[in-house]
């Protein structure tokens, strides 16, 4: 059993063509075909342009590398320098408090 709804075949195309000729007239058919061809060309060029844009975006996304900022290094708490030691602090000695004598 063949489906009732499907693509027209053989004689059905001839009937459709006859109806189109009756509705639009034989003089208008070349103009109608030309307009349809131009519309299809424009449609194809636009879809090609969209595909090219998508390809460009995909290429840019692959080329763009995201480099995260390096995390600040964790430094131990700084201690005040002692006078007369040339800025060298001995971590085993307690800090010197100059304000409380």
N, C-alpha and C. Protein backbone atom coordinates (compact mmCIF):
# COMPACT_ATOMS: atom_id res chain seq x y z
N UNK A 1 0.83 -1.18 0.00
CA UNK A 1 0.00 0.00 0.00
C UNK A 1 0.88 1.24 0.00
N UNK A 2 0.58 2.18 -0.83
CA UNK A 2 1.34 3.42 -0.88
C UNK A 2 0.66 4.46 0.00
N UNK A 3 1.45 5.36 0.57
CA UNK A 3 0.84 6.39 1.42
C UNK A 3 0.03 7.37 0.59
N UNK A 4 -1.00 7.93 1.21
CA UNK A 4 -1.87 8.87 0.51
C UNK A 4 -1.19 10.22 0.31
N UNK A 5 -0.33 10.58 1.25
CA UNK A 5 0.35 11.87 1.15
C UNK A 5 1.82 11.58 0.85
N UNK A 6 2.32 12.18 -0.21
CA UNK A 6 3.71 11.97 -0.58
C UNK A 6 4.10 12.95 -1.68
N UNK A 7 5.25 12.73 -2.25
CA UNK A 7 5.72 13.58 -3.34
C UNK A 7 4.90 13.30 -4.60
N UNK A 8 4.58 14.36 -5.35
CA UNK A 8 3.86 14.15 -6.61
C UNK A 8 4.74 13.36 -7.59
N UNK A 9 4.12 12.54 -8.40
CA UNK A 9 4.85 11.73 -9.37
C UNK A 9 4.17 11.82 -10.73
N UNK A 10 4.96 11.75 -11.78
CA UNK A 10 4.47 11.64 -13.16
C UNK A 10 3.36 12.59 -13.53
N UNK A 11 2.15 12.03 -13.66
CA UNK A 11 0.99 12.77 -14.14
C UNK A 11 0.63 13.91 -13.18
N UNK A 12 0.86 13.71 -11.91
CA UNK A 12 0.54 14.75 -10.92
C UNK A 12 1.33 16.02 -11.19
N UNK A 13 2.60 15.89 -11.61
CA UNK A 13 3.41 17.06 -11.94
C UNK A 13 2.82 17.79 -13.15
N UNK A 14 2.33 17.05 -14.12
CA UNK A 14 1.73 17.68 -15.30
C UNK A 14 0.47 18.46 -14.92
N UNK A 15 -0.33 17.90 -14.02
CA UNK A 15 -1.53 18.59 -13.57
C UNK A 15 -1.14 19.87 -12.83
N UNK A 16 -0.14 19.79 -11.97
CA UNK A 16 0.31 20.98 -11.23
C UNK A 16 0.82 22.04 -12.20
N UNK A 17 1.61 21.64 -13.21
CA UNK A 17 2.13 22.57 -14.20
C UNK A 17 0.99 23.24 -14.97
N UNK A 18 -0.03 22.47 -15.34
CA UNK A 18 -1.18 23.03 -16.07
C UNK A 18 -1.90 24.06 -15.21
N UNK A 19 -2.06 23.79 -13.93
CA UNK A 19 -2.73 24.74 -13.03
C UNK A 19 -1.91 26.02 -12.91
N UNK A 20 -0.59 25.89 -12.80
CA UNK A 20 0.28 27.07 -12.70
C UNK A 20 0.18 27.91 -13.96
N UNK A 21 0.16 27.28 -15.13
CA UNK A 21 0.06 28.03 -16.39
C UNK A 21 -1.28 28.75 -16.47
N UNK A 22 -2.34 28.11 -16.03
CA UNK A 22 -3.67 28.74 -16.06
C UNK A 22 -3.71 29.92 -15.10
N UNK A 23 -3.16 29.76 -13.90
CA UNK A 23 -3.24 30.82 -12.89
C UNK A 23 -2.36 32.01 -13.26
N UNK A 24 -1.12 31.75 -13.64
CA UNK A 24 -0.18 32.85 -13.88
C UNK A 24 -0.12 33.28 -15.34
N UNK A 25 -0.50 32.46 -16.25
CA UNK A 25 -0.41 32.78 -17.67
C UNK A 25 0.96 32.45 -18.21
N UNK A 26 1.02 32.08 -19.48
CA UNK A 26 2.27 31.65 -20.10
C UNK A 26 3.29 32.79 -20.17
N UNK A 27 2.84 34.03 -20.29
CA UNK A 27 3.75 35.17 -20.41
C UNK A 27 4.48 35.44 -19.09
N UNK A 28 3.86 35.15 -17.99
CA UNK A 28 4.45 35.44 -16.68
C UNK A 28 5.40 34.33 -16.20
N UNK A 29 5.36 33.15 -16.79
CA UNK A 29 6.17 32.02 -16.31
C UNK A 29 7.67 32.31 -16.33
N UNK A 30 8.25 32.88 -17.41
CA UNK A 30 9.70 33.16 -17.37
C UNK A 30 10.08 34.13 -16.25
N UNK A 31 9.25 35.14 -16.06
CA UNK A 31 9.52 36.11 -14.99
C UNK A 31 9.41 35.44 -13.61
N UNK A 32 8.42 34.58 -13.46
CA UNK A 32 8.25 33.85 -12.20
C UNK A 32 9.44 32.92 -11.94
N UNK A 33 9.90 32.23 -12.97
CA UNK A 33 11.06 31.34 -12.82
C UNK A 33 12.32 32.14 -12.50
N UNK A 34 12.50 33.29 -13.14
CA UNK A 34 13.66 34.14 -12.89
C UNK A 34 13.65 34.64 -11.44
N UNK A 35 12.52 35.09 -10.97
CA UNK A 35 12.41 35.57 -9.59
C UNK A 35 12.66 34.45 -8.58
N UNK A 36 12.15 33.26 -8.89
CA UNK A 36 12.38 32.12 -8.00
C UNK A 36 13.86 31.76 -7.96
N UNK A 37 14.52 31.78 -9.13
CA UNK A 37 15.96 31.48 -9.19
C UNK A 37 16.78 32.49 -8.40
N UNK A 38 16.44 33.78 -8.52
CA UNK A 38 17.16 34.81 -7.76
C UNK A 38 16.94 34.63 -6.27
N UNK A 39 15.72 34.32 -5.88
CA UNK A 39 15.44 34.12 -4.46
C UNK A 39 16.23 32.94 -3.91
N UNK A 40 16.32 31.85 -4.69
CA UNK A 40 17.09 30.69 -4.25
C UNK A 40 18.58 31.02 -4.14
N UNK A 41 19.11 31.79 -5.11
CA UNK A 41 20.53 32.18 -5.04
C UNK A 41 20.81 33.03 -3.80
N UNK A 42 19.94 33.97 -3.52
CA UNK A 42 20.11 34.82 -2.33
C UNK A 42 20.05 33.97 -1.07
N UNK A 43 19.09 33.07 -1.03
CA UNK A 43 18.94 32.19 0.13
C UNK A 43 20.20 31.35 0.34
N UNK A 44 20.73 30.77 -0.74
CA UNK A 44 21.94 29.95 -0.64
C UNK A 44 23.13 30.78 -0.17
N UNK A 45 23.28 32.00 -0.71
CA UNK A 45 24.42 32.82 -0.30
C UNK A 45 24.32 33.23 1.17
N UNK A 46 23.11 33.51 1.63
CA UNK A 46 22.93 33.88 3.03
C UNK A 46 23.22 32.70 3.96
N UNK A 47 22.74 31.52 3.60
CA UNK A 47 23.02 30.36 4.45
C UNK A 47 24.50 30.02 4.44
N UNK A 48 25.17 30.21 3.30
CA UNK A 48 26.62 29.98 3.23
C UNK A 48 27.34 30.99 4.12
N UNK A 49 26.88 32.25 4.09
CA UNK A 49 27.47 33.27 4.94
C UNK A 49 27.31 32.95 6.42
N UNK A 50 26.14 32.44 6.79
CA UNK A 50 25.93 32.06 8.19
C UNK A 50 26.83 30.90 8.59
N UNK A 51 26.99 29.92 7.69
CA UNK A 51 27.88 28.80 7.98
C UNK A 51 29.31 29.27 8.14
N UNK A 52 29.74 30.19 7.26
CA UNK A 52 31.10 30.72 7.35
C UNK A 52 31.30 31.47 8.66
N UNK A 53 30.29 32.24 9.08
CA UNK A 53 30.38 32.96 10.36
C UNK A 53 30.50 31.98 11.52
N UNK A 54 29.71 30.91 11.48
CA UNK A 54 29.79 29.90 12.54
C UNK A 54 31.16 29.23 12.55
N UNK A 55 31.70 28.94 11.37
CA UNK A 55 33.03 28.33 11.29
C UNK A 55 34.09 29.27 11.84
N UNK A 56 33.97 30.58 11.51
CA UNK A 56 34.93 31.57 12.02
C UNK A 56 34.87 31.66 13.53
N UNK A 57 33.66 31.65 14.08
CA UNK A 57 33.52 31.73 15.54
C UNK A 57 34.10 30.49 16.21
N UNK A 58 33.89 29.33 15.61
CA UNK A 58 34.43 28.09 16.17
C UNK A 58 35.95 28.11 16.12
N UNK A 59 36.52 28.62 15.03
CA UNK A 59 37.97 28.70 14.90
C UNK A 59 38.54 29.67 15.92
N UNK A 60 37.88 30.82 16.10
CA UNK A 60 38.34 31.80 17.08
C UNK A 60 38.27 31.22 18.49
N UNK A 61 37.23 30.47 18.76
CA UNK A 61 37.09 29.88 20.10
C UNK A 61 38.19 28.87 20.37
N UNK A 62 38.58 28.11 19.35
CA UNK A 62 39.65 27.14 19.53
C UNK A 62 41.00 27.83 19.69
N UNK A 63 41.20 28.96 18.98
CA UNK A 63 42.48 29.65 19.03
C UNK A 63 42.62 30.46 20.32
N UNK A 64 41.53 30.97 20.82
CA UNK A 64 41.60 31.79 22.04
C UNK A 64 41.84 30.88 23.23
N UNK A 65 42.92 31.14 23.90
CA UNK A 65 43.21 30.37 25.11
C UNK A 65 43.04 31.28 26.30
N UNK A 66 42.39 30.79 27.29
CA UNK A 66 42.16 31.55 28.50
C UNK A 66 43.26 31.19 29.48
N UNK A 67 44.06 32.20 29.83
CA UNK A 67 45.12 31.96 30.80
C UNK A 67 44.70 32.61 32.11
N UNK A 68 44.43 31.82 33.12
CA UNK A 68 44.01 32.40 34.39
C UNK A 68 45.18 33.13 35.04
N UNK A 69 44.84 34.17 35.78
CA UNK A 69 45.87 34.90 36.51
C UNK A 69 46.46 33.98 37.56
N UNK A 70 47.78 34.01 37.70
CA UNK A 70 48.38 33.15 38.71
C UNK A 70 47.94 33.59 40.10
N UNK A 71 47.70 32.62 40.95
CA UNK A 71 47.28 32.92 42.32
C UNK A 71 48.44 33.58 43.05
N UNK A 72 48.17 34.57 43.86
CA UNK A 72 49.27 35.21 44.59
C UNK A 72 49.92 34.19 45.51
N UNK A 73 51.22 34.21 45.50
CA UNK A 73 51.93 33.24 46.33
C UNK A 73 51.72 33.57 47.80
N UNK A 74 51.56 32.56 48.57
CA UNK A 74 51.32 32.75 49.99
C UNK A 74 52.65 32.97 50.68
N UNK A 75 52.79 34.13 51.23
CA UNK A 75 54.02 34.47 51.93
C UNK A 75 53.78 34.35 53.43
N UNK A 76 54.81 33.97 54.17
CA UNK A 76 54.65 33.94 55.62
C UNK A 76 54.50 35.37 56.13
N UNK A 77 53.86 35.54 57.27
CA UNK A 77 53.70 36.90 57.79
C UNK A 77 55.07 37.54 57.98
N UNK A 78 55.16 38.79 57.57
CA UNK A 78 56.46 39.47 57.66
C UNK A 78 56.68 39.98 59.08
N UNK A 79 57.96 40.01 59.46
CA UNK A 79 58.34 40.50 60.78
C UNK A 79 59.14 41.78 60.58
N UNK A 80 59.06 42.69 61.51
CA UNK A 80 59.85 43.92 61.37
C UNK A 80 61.34 43.61 61.48
N UNK A 81 62.12 44.37 60.74
CA UNK A 81 63.57 44.15 60.78
C UNK A 81 64.16 44.79 62.03
N UNK A 82 65.21 44.21 62.52
CA UNK A 82 65.90 44.74 63.70
C UNK A 82 67.01 45.67 63.24
N UNK A 83 67.21 46.73 63.97
CA UNK A 83 68.24 47.71 63.62
C UNK A 83 69.61 47.09 63.79
N UNK A 84 70.52 47.38 62.87
CA UNK A 84 71.88 46.93 62.97
C UNK A 84 72.12 45.54 62.42
N UNK A 85 71.13 44.93 61.82
CA UNK A 85 71.34 43.58 61.28
C UNK A 85 71.27 43.58 59.77
N UNK A 86 71.33 44.73 59.16
CA UNK A 86 71.31 44.88 57.71
C UNK A 86 70.04 44.28 57.09
N UNK A 87 68.96 44.37 57.80
CA UNK A 87 67.69 43.91 57.27
C UNK A 87 67.49 42.41 57.35
N UNK A 88 68.42 41.67 57.93
CA UNK A 88 68.28 40.22 58.04
C UNK A 88 67.59 39.91 59.35
N UNK A 89 66.53 39.13 59.31
CA UNK A 89 65.78 38.79 60.51
C UNK A 89 66.01 37.32 60.81
N UNK A 90 66.34 37.04 62.06
CA UNK A 90 66.52 35.66 62.49
C UNK A 90 65.15 35.14 62.91
N UNK A 91 64.61 34.15 62.20
CA UNK A 91 63.27 33.67 62.52
C UNK A 91 63.17 32.99 63.87
N UNK A 92 64.30 32.62 64.47
CA UNK A 92 64.25 31.96 65.78
C UNK A 92 64.16 32.96 66.91
N UNK A 93 64.46 34.24 66.68
CA UNK A 93 64.42 35.28 67.71
C UNK A 93 63.07 35.96 67.70
N UNK A 94 62.57 36.33 68.87
CA UNK A 94 61.31 37.07 68.91
C UNK A 94 61.51 38.48 68.34
N UNK A 95 60.46 39.06 67.80
CA UNK A 95 60.60 40.41 67.25
C UNK A 95 60.89 41.43 68.34
N UNK A 96 61.65 42.45 67.99
CA UNK A 96 62.02 43.50 68.93
C UNK A 96 60.98 44.60 68.82
N UNK A 97 60.42 45.00 69.96
CA UNK A 97 59.44 46.07 70.00
C UNK A 97 60.15 47.33 70.45
N UNK A 98 60.33 48.30 69.58
CA UNK A 98 61.07 49.53 69.90
C UNK A 98 60.24 50.48 70.75
N UNK A 99 58.95 50.33 70.80
CA UNK A 99 58.10 51.28 71.50
C UNK A 99 57.96 50.97 72.98
N UNK A 100 58.19 49.76 73.42
CA UNK A 100 57.99 49.38 74.82
C UNK A 100 59.30 48.93 75.44
N UNK A 101 60.25 49.71 75.48
CA UNK A 101 61.47 49.55 76.01
C UNK A 101 62.32 48.63 76.50
